[in-house]
Amino acid sequence: MGEMSSFQLGVIGALFLSVASSVSIVICNKALMSNLGFRFATTLTSWHLMVTFCTLHVAQRLNLFVSKSIDMKTVMLFGILNGISIGFLNLSLGFNSIGFYQMTKLAIIPFTVLLETVFLKKQFSQKIKFSLFLLLVGVGIASITDLQLNFVGSILSLLAIITTCVGQILTNTIQKKLNVSSTQLLYQSAPFQAAILFVSGPVVDQLLTKQNVFAYKYSPIVLAFIVLSCLIAVSVNFSTFLVIGKTSPVTYQVLGHLKTCLVLGFGYTLLHDPFTGRNIIGILVAIFGMGLYSYFCTEENKKKQSGDLPLSSQVKDKDNTPLLVGKNNTGHQEEENHHEAKKLNKESSI
């Protein structure tokens, strides 16, 4: 009983850290991109990952955690896959409208459920699927404003969905199968993600912004915000791996949409963004869906522990860990935070 309470307390802490750090980095990146004109999100993500690795290396040298050796091929492929998916997410936002990009993010949950059902033989109850459906409808109502389709953008979005889902499932699977902690996996994979983004970032950013990151004039205030963004990113990356490891990729995505609702509310209250009845209705529906998801997960966990729930209706490996009592991947959460800042920049002015 005490072990379960400790686990739930750890999940709540991970969820809170993830939300707090994500909202903080959105505020920081909003100022960096819209007020100061530094729009090189992919390159900035590579710097985030470098600082994260350096921070973890110092922590490891101070014996704050024990590094665990992981098969080099596994870590390398995992890191490269996550780096590529971040590039696709940026390109998807660049080649599509904000509305279509938001649709891309919404498609990650059903695609993740599909992949886990087909390849990992996990099953989600009808109640869980219904709550996720309500969540997606609510977020869609609140955040999707326009849908402009084009062939290149659609292909990039599809590739972003596939690589993101696979990367997040691997984040959860590797931690459980190889018995490594979120910190150990992040420490081992961050250098590979940083390397591929450091090489490809300037190219992707120049393609999207028509500007060269190395030709940008770095003022002291810009450098200060970049340093602050990198420091917050350490918490974002760590909490992302922590949440996915303690819950599941699906729960992590549910949490991500909660952050979207918080960002919309933040934009209205502090930045005075336009806010309509449609936004309010969408957020309320999304919050109701999140509440149902948490409730149904809690109920299924209780039935599973008491042995009343048929095995076929259970979600294995803690995948039905509830959001409120309680999945990435590093860089992915930051990338979503960059995109939230970009959307605030496009949809409002400070």
Protein backbone atom coordinates (compact mmCIF):
# COMPACT_ATOMS: atom_id res chain seq x y z
CA MET A 1 0.00 0.00 0.00
CA GLY A 2 2.80 2.34 0.90
CA GLU A 3 4.61 1.46 -2.32
CA MET A 4 1.48 2.29 -4.36
CA SER A 5 1.07 5.64 -2.55
CA SER A 6 4.73 6.43 -3.21
CA PHE A 7 4.29 5.55 -6.89
CA GLN A 8 1.21 7.77 -7.22
CA LEU A 9 3.01 10.62 -5.45
CA GLY A 10 5.90 10.23 -7.90
CA VAL A 11 3.52 10.34 -10.87
CA ILE A 12 1.78 13.47 -9.57
CA GLY A 13 5.17 15.12 -9.07
CA ALA A 14 6.26 14.19 -12.59
CA LEU A 15 3.01 15.54 -14.09
CA PHE A 16 3.27 18.79 -12.15
CA LEU A 17 6.94 19.28 -13.12
CA SER A 18 6.08 18.61 -16.77
CA VAL A 19 3.22 21.12 -16.85
CA ALA A 20 5.09 23.82 -14.90
CA SER A 21 8.28 23.58 -16.97
CA SER A 22 6.38 23.43 -20.28
CA VAL A 23 4.30 26.52 -19.55
CA SER A 24 7.45 28.33 -18.38
CA ILE A 25 9.38 27.53 -21.54
CA VAL A 26 6.42 28.61 -23.70
CA ILE A 27 6.54 32.02 -22.00
CA CYS A 28 10.30 32.24 -22.49
CA ASN A 29 10.20 31.12 -26.14
CA LYS A 30 7.28 33.46 -26.85
CA ALA A 31 9.45 36.39 -25.80
CA LEU A 32 12.47 35.02 -27.66
CA MET A 33 10.66 34.40 -30.95
CA SER A 34 8.09 37.19 -31.17
CA ASN A 35 9.66 40.06 -29.23
CA LEU A 36 13.31 39.43 -30.03
CA GLY A 37 12.97 37.84 -33.47
CA PHE A 38 14.96 34.67 -32.74
CA ARG A 39 12.94 32.11 -34.73
CA PHE A 40 15.45 29.28 -35.06
CA ALA A 41 13.49 26.63 -33.13
CA THR A 42 15.27 23.50 -34.40
CA THR A 43 18.73 24.87 -33.68
CA LEU A 44 17.56 26.06 -30.27
CA THR A 45 16.33 22.53 -29.51
CA SER A 46 19.80 21.15 -30.27
CA TRP A 47 21.26 23.60 -27.76
CA HIS A 48 18.64 22.52 -25.24
CA LEU A 49 19.72 18.91 -25.60
CA MET A 50 23.41 19.78 -25.33
CA VAL A 51 22.81 21.68 -22.09
CA THR A 52 20.63 18.82 -20.81
CA PHE A 53 23.40 16.30 -21.47
CA CYS A 54 26.04 18.51 -19.85
CA THR A 55 23.82 19.02 -16.79
CA LEU A 56 23.22 15.28 -16.45
CA HIS A 57 26.93 14.60 -16.93
CA VAL A 58 27.76 16.91 -14.03
CA ALA A 59 25.03 15.25 -11.94
CA GLN A 60 26.45 11.83 -12.77
CA ARG A 61 29.96 12.93 -11.81
CA LEU A 62 28.55 14.17 -8.49
CA ASN A 63 27.00 10.70 -7.97
CA LEU A 64 23.46 12.08 -8.05
CA PHE A 65 22.51 9.15 -10.28
CA VAL A 66 24.26 6.04 -11.61
CA SER A 67 24.81 5.77 -15.34
CA LYS A 68 23.75 2.46 -16.85
CA SER A 69 25.23 1.10 -20.05
CA ILE A 70 22.69 0.59 -22.84
CA ASP A 71 23.32 -1.14 -26.15
CA MET A 72 24.95 1.51 -28.34
CA LYS A 73 22.99 0.56 -31.45
CA THR A 74 19.69 0.85 -29.60
CA VAL A 75 20.52 4.24 -28.11
CA MET A 76 21.89 5.58 -31.38
CA LEU A 77 18.85 4.55 -33.43
CA PHE A 78 16.55 5.86 -30.69
CA GLY A 79 18.31 9.22 -30.60
CA ILE A 80 18.44 9.58 -34.38
CA LEU A 81 14.74 8.69 -34.69
CA ASN A 82 13.75 11.32 -32.15
CA GLY A 83 15.96 13.91 -33.83
CA ILE A 84 14.41 13.17 -37.22
CA SER A 85 10.88 13.38 -35.81
CA ILE A 86 11.62 16.84 -34.37
CA GLY A 87 12.76 17.98 -37.80
CA PHE A 88 9.56 16.62 -39.38
CA LEU A 89 7.43 18.39 -36.75
CA ASN A 90 9.12 21.70 -37.53
CA LEU A 91 8.77 21.18 -41.28
CA SER A 92 5.13 20.20 -40.81
CA LEU A 93 4.43 23.47 -39.00
CA GLY A 94 6.35 25.40 -41.65
CA PHE A 95 4.59 23.88 -44.66
CA ASN A 96 1.07 23.70 -43.18
CA SER A 97 -1.42 26.08 -41.64
CA ILE A 98 -1.65 26.19 -37.84
CA GLY A 99 -5.01 24.42 -38.01
CA PHE A 100 -3.63 21.50 -40.02
CA TYR A 101 -0.60 21.28 -37.74
CA GLN A 102 -2.94 21.08 -34.73
CA MET A 103 -4.78 18.25 -36.53
CA THR A 104 -1.41 16.51 -36.86
CA LYS A 105 -0.90 16.71 -33.09
CA LEU A 106 -4.41 15.40 -32.45
CA ALA A 107 -3.75 12.42 -34.74
CA ILE A 108 -0.87 11.25 -32.54
CA ILE A 109 -3.16 9.76 -29.86
CA PRO A 110 -5.29 7.50 -32.11
CA PHE A 111 -2.20 6.49 -34.09
CA THR A 112 -0.38 5.59 -30.86
CA VAL A 113 -3.37 3.53 -29.71
CA LEU A 114 -3.40 1.78 -33.11
CA LEU A 115 0.33 0.97 -33.01
CA GLU A 116 0.21 -0.32 -29.44
CA THR A 117 -2.86 -2.44 -30.22
CA VAL A 118 -1.41 -3.97 -33.39
CA PHE A 119 2.25 -4.44 -32.48
CA LEU A 120 2.29 -4.58 -28.67
CA LYS A 121 -1.06 -6.40 -28.32
CA LYS A 122 -2.33 -3.86 -25.80
CA GLN A 123 -6.07 -3.32 -25.55
CA PHE A 124 -7.94 -0.17 -24.59
CA SER A 125 -11.49 -0.37 -23.25
CA GLN A 126 -14.39 1.35 -25.00
CA LYS A 127 -14.66 3.78 -22.06
CA ILE A 128 -11.02 4.82 -22.45
CA LYS A 129 -11.46 5.28 -26.19
CA PHE A 130 -14.62 7.37 -25.63
CA SER A 131 -12.84 9.66 -23.14
CA LEU A 132 -9.95 10.12 -25.57
CA PHE A 133 -12.45 10.91 -28.34
CA LEU A 134 -14.06 13.63 -26.19
CA LEU A 135 -10.62 15.05 -25.38
CA LEU A 136 -9.64 15.24 -29.06
CA VAL A 137 -12.97 16.83 -30.03
CA GLY A 138 -12.59 19.46 -27.31
CA VAL A 139 -9.02 20.36 -28.20
CA GLY A 140 -9.98 20.46 -31.87
CA ILE A 141 -12.86 22.86 -31.20
CA ALA A 142 -10.67 25.08 -29.04
CA SER A 143 -7.56 25.27 -31.19
CA ILE A 144 -8.26 24.51 -34.86
CA THR A 145 -9.09 27.64 -36.81
CA ASP A 146 -8.24 26.85 -40.41
CA LEU A 147 -7.46 23.77 -42.50
CA GLN A 148 -5.36 24.40 -45.59
CA LEU A 149 -4.15 21.22 -47.26
CA ASN A 150 -1.17 20.73 -49.55
CA PHE A 151 0.58 17.57 -50.72
CA VAL A 152 4.08 18.26 -49.33
CA GLY A 153 2.70 19.43 -45.99
CA SER A 154 0.48 16.34 -45.71
CA ILE A 155 3.41 13.98 -46.35
CA LEU A 156 5.56 15.80 -43.78
CA SER A 157 2.72 15.63 -41.23
CA LEU A 158 2.29 11.89 -41.81
CA LEU A 159 6.03 11.32 -41.32
CA ALA A 160 5.95 13.49 -38.18
CA ILE A 161 3.07 11.45 -36.74
CA ILE A 162 4.75 8.10 -37.45
CA THR A 163 8.18 9.04 -36.09
CA THR A 164 6.71 10.79 -33.03
CA CYS A 165 4.48 7.84 -32.10
CA VAL A 166 7.24 5.28 -32.57
CA GLY A 167 9.71 7.42 -30.60
CA GLN A 168 7.32 7.84 -27.67
CA ILE A 169 6.43 4.15 -27.59
CA LEU A 170 10.14 3.29 -27.61
CA THR A 171 10.76 5.74 -24.75
CA ASN A 172 8.32 3.77 -22.62
CA THR A 173 9.34 0.33 -23.90
CA ILE A 174 13.11 0.79 -23.51
CA GLN A 175 12.77 1.96 -19.91
CA LYS A 176 10.69 -1.08 -18.99
CA LYS A 177 12.39 -3.78 -21.06
CA LEU A 178 15.97 -2.72 -20.23
CA ASN A 179 15.10 -1.67 -16.67
CA VAL A 180 16.63 1.80 -17.01
CA SER A 181 15.40 4.99 -15.40
CA SER A 182 14.26 8.08 -17.27
CA THR A 183 17.46 9.87 -16.24
CA GLN A 184 19.68 7.05 -17.49
CA LEU A 185 17.94 6.86 -20.87
CA LEU A 186 17.98 10.63 -21.31
CA TYR A 187 21.68 10.77 -20.40
CA GLN A 188 22.55 8.09 -22.96
CA SER A 189 20.37 9.35 -25.84
CA ALA A 190 20.64 13.15 -25.56
CA PRO A 191 24.05 13.41 -27.31
CA PHE A 192 22.75 11.62 -30.42
CA GLN A 193 19.60 13.74 -30.60
CA ALA A 194 21.63 16.91 -30.08
CA ALA A 195 24.15 15.89 -32.76
CA ILE A 196 21.62 15.25 -35.51
CA LEU A 197 19.71 18.46 -34.69
CA PHE A 198 22.91 20.49 -34.45
CA VAL A 199 23.78 19.42 -38.02
CA SER A 200 20.30 19.59 -39.54
CA GLY A 201 18.88 22.45 -37.42
CA PRO A 202 20.45 25.39 -39.26
CA VAL A 203 19.38 23.92 -42.61
CA VAL A 204 15.78 23.33 -41.48
CA ASP A 205 15.57 26.76 -39.85
CA GLN A 206 16.94 28.53 -42.92
CA LEU A 207 14.42 26.68 -45.09
CA LEU A 208 11.57 27.80 -42.84
CA THR A 209 12.66 31.33 -41.88
CA LYS A 210 14.83 32.35 -44.86
CA GLN A 211 17.43 33.46 -42.31
CA ASN A 212 20.82 32.11 -41.24
CA VAL A 213 21.16 31.37 -37.54
CA PHE A 214 24.89 32.12 -37.69
CA ALA A 215 24.27 35.54 -39.25
CA TYR A 216 21.84 36.56 -36.54
CA LYS A 217 22.98 39.45 -34.33
CA TYR A 218 23.01 38.16 -30.76
CA SER A 219 22.37 40.95 -28.27
CA PRO A 220 22.95 40.41 -24.53
CA ILE A 221 19.20 40.13 -23.86
CA VAL A 222 18.80 37.50 -26.59
CA LEU A 223 21.69 35.50 -25.13
CA ALA A 224 20.12 35.80 -21.67
CA PHE A 225 16.80 34.41 -22.90
CA ILE A 226 18.57 31.61 -24.80
CA VAL A 227 20.41 30.60 -21.62
CA LEU A 228 17.17 30.76 -19.62
CA SER A 229 15.37 28.67 -22.26
CA CYS A 230 18.14 26.06 -22.16
CA LEU A 231 18.00 25.84 -18.36
CA ILE A 232 14.21 25.39 -18.35
CA ALA A 233 14.59 22.79 -21.11
CA VAL A 234 16.60 20.58 -18.75
CA SER A 235 13.49 20.29 -16.59
CA VAL A 236 11.26 19.82 -19.65
CA ASN A 237 13.38 16.99 -21.03
CA PHE A 238 13.76 15.25 -17.68
CA SER A 239 10.04 15.46 -16.84
CA THR A 240 9.09 14.20 -20.32
CA PHE A 241 11.07 10.98 -19.92
CA LEU A 242 9.85 10.69 -16.34
CA VAL A 243 6.16 10.98 -17.26
CA ILE A 244 6.39 8.52 -20.16
CA GLY A 245 8.30 6.02 -18.02
CA LYS A 246 5.85 6.20 -15.11
CA THR A 247 2.66 6.24 -17.20
CA SER A 248 2.37 5.63 -20.95
CA PRO A 249 2.70 7.38 -24.32
CA VAL A 250 -1.09 7.85 -24.47
CA THR A 251 -1.26 9.43 -21.00
CA TYR A 252 1.65 11.67 -21.98
CA GLN A 253 -0.25 12.87 -25.04
CA VAL A 254 -3.34 13.54 -22.90
CA LEU A 255 -1.13 15.65 -20.64
CA GLY A 256 0.18 17.48 -23.71
CA HIS A 257 -3.34 18.51 -24.70
CA LEU A 258 -3.95 19.73 -21.15
CA LYS A 259 -0.94 21.98 -21.65
CA THR A 260 -2.49 23.23 -24.91
CA CYS A 261 -5.61 24.29 -23.00
CA LEU A 262 -3.45 25.98 -20.37
CA VAL A 263 -1.48 27.83 -23.06
CA LEU A 264 -4.72 29.06 -24.65
CA GLY A 265 -5.89 30.29 -21.26
CA PHE A 266 -2.49 31.85 -20.60
CA GLY A 267 -2.59 33.66 -23.94
CA TYR A 268 -5.99 35.13 -23.12
CA THR A 269 -5.35 36.18 -19.52
CA LEU A 270 -1.81 37.52 -19.82
CA LEU A 271 -1.26 38.25 -23.52
CA HIS A 272 -4.84 39.34 -24.28
CA ASP A 273 -5.17 36.96 -27.24
CA PRO A 274 -8.61 36.79 -28.90
CA PHE A 275 -10.80 34.34 -26.97
CA THR A 276 -14.25 33.26 -28.20
CA GLY A 277 -17.11 31.16 -26.91
CA ARG A 278 -15.83 28.39 -29.16
CA ASN A 279 -12.49 28.37 -27.33
CA ILE A 280 -14.25 28.17 -23.96
CA ILE A 281 -16.58 25.34 -25.05
CA GLY A 282 -13.67 23.40 -26.56
CA ILE A 283 -11.54 23.72 -23.43
CA LEU A 284 -14.44 22.63 -21.21
CA VAL A 285 -15.12 19.57 -23.41
CA ALA A 286 -11.40 18.71 -23.40
CA ILE A 287 -11.16 19.02 -19.61
CA PHE A 288 -14.27 16.83 -19.26
CA GLY A 289 -12.63 14.23 -21.52
CA MET A 290 -9.45 14.34 -19.43
CA GLY A 291 -11.51 13.88 -16.27
CA LEU A 292 -13.27 10.85 -17.75
CA TYR A 293 -9.94 9.41 -18.91
CA SER A 294 -8.50 9.71 -15.40
CA TYR A 295 -11.68 8.30 -13.80
CA PHE A 296 -11.94 5.31 -16.14
CA CYS A 297 -8.24 4.54 -15.73
CA THR A 298 -8.62 4.64 -11.95
CA GLU A 299 -11.63 2.33 -12.06
CA GLU A 300 -9.89 -0.15 -14.36
CA ASN A 301 -6.81 -0.15 -12.15
CA LYS A 302 -8.97 -0.97 -9.11
CA LYS A 303 -10.74 -3.79 -10.97
CA LYS A 304 -7.43 -5.08 -12.27
CA GLN A 305 -5.96 -5.19 -8.76
CA SER A 306 -9.05 -6.95 -7.40
CA GLY A 307 -9.07 -9.41 -10.31
CA ASP A 308 -12.55 -8.41 -11.51
CA LEU A 309 -11.44 -6.97 -14.85
CA PRO A 310 -11.02 -9.48 -17.71
CA LEU A 311 -7.47 -9.65 -18.98
CA SER A 312 -8.60 -8.76 -22.51
CA SER A 313 -9.91 -5.38 -21.36
CA GLN A 314 -6.84 -4.38 -19.39
CA VAL A 315 -4.13 -2.13 -20.71
CA LYS A 316 -0.84 -3.79 -19.85
CA ASP A 317 2.26 -2.40 -18.28
CA LYS A 318 0.54 0.45 -16.43
CA ASP A 319 -0.70 1.97 -19.68
CA ASN A 320 -3.96 2.84 -17.98
CA THR A 321 -2.25 4.85 -15.28
CA PRO A 322 -4.61 7.79 -14.73
CA LEU A 323 -3.52 11.29 -15.61
CA LEU A 324 -4.54 12.86 -12.33
CA VAL A 325 -3.11 10.22 -10.05
CA GLY A 326 -0.70 8.65 -12.06
CA LYS A 327 5.85 9.52 -22.55
CA ASN A 328 9.01 11.36 -26.18
CA ASN A 329 10.60 11.87 -25.78
CA THR A 330 13.08 14.53 -25.09
CA GLY A 331 13.03 17.28 -27.58
CA HIS A 332 9.48 16.41 -28.61
CA GLN A 333 7.99 18.20 -25.66
CA GLU A 334 10.27 21.18 -26.22
CA GLU A 335 9.33 21.15 -29.87
CA GLU A 336 5.67 21.33 -28.94
CA ASN A 337 6.54 24.20 -26.62
CA HIS A 338 8.35 25.98 -29.48
CA HIS A 339 5.26 25.46 -31.62
CA GLU A 340 2.94 26.81 -28.92
CA ALA A 341 5.14 29.91 -28.78
CA LYS A 342 5.03 30.18 -32.57
CA LYS A 343 1.25 29.92 -32.56
CA LEU A 344 1.00 32.63 -29.93
CA ASN A 345 3.29 34.71 -32.12
CA LYS A 346 1.16 34.19 -35.24
CA GLU A 347 -2.22 34.58 -33.58
CA SER A 348 -1.47 37.63 -31.41
CA SER A 349 0.93 40.50 -31.04
CA ILE A 350 2.54 41.83 -27.88
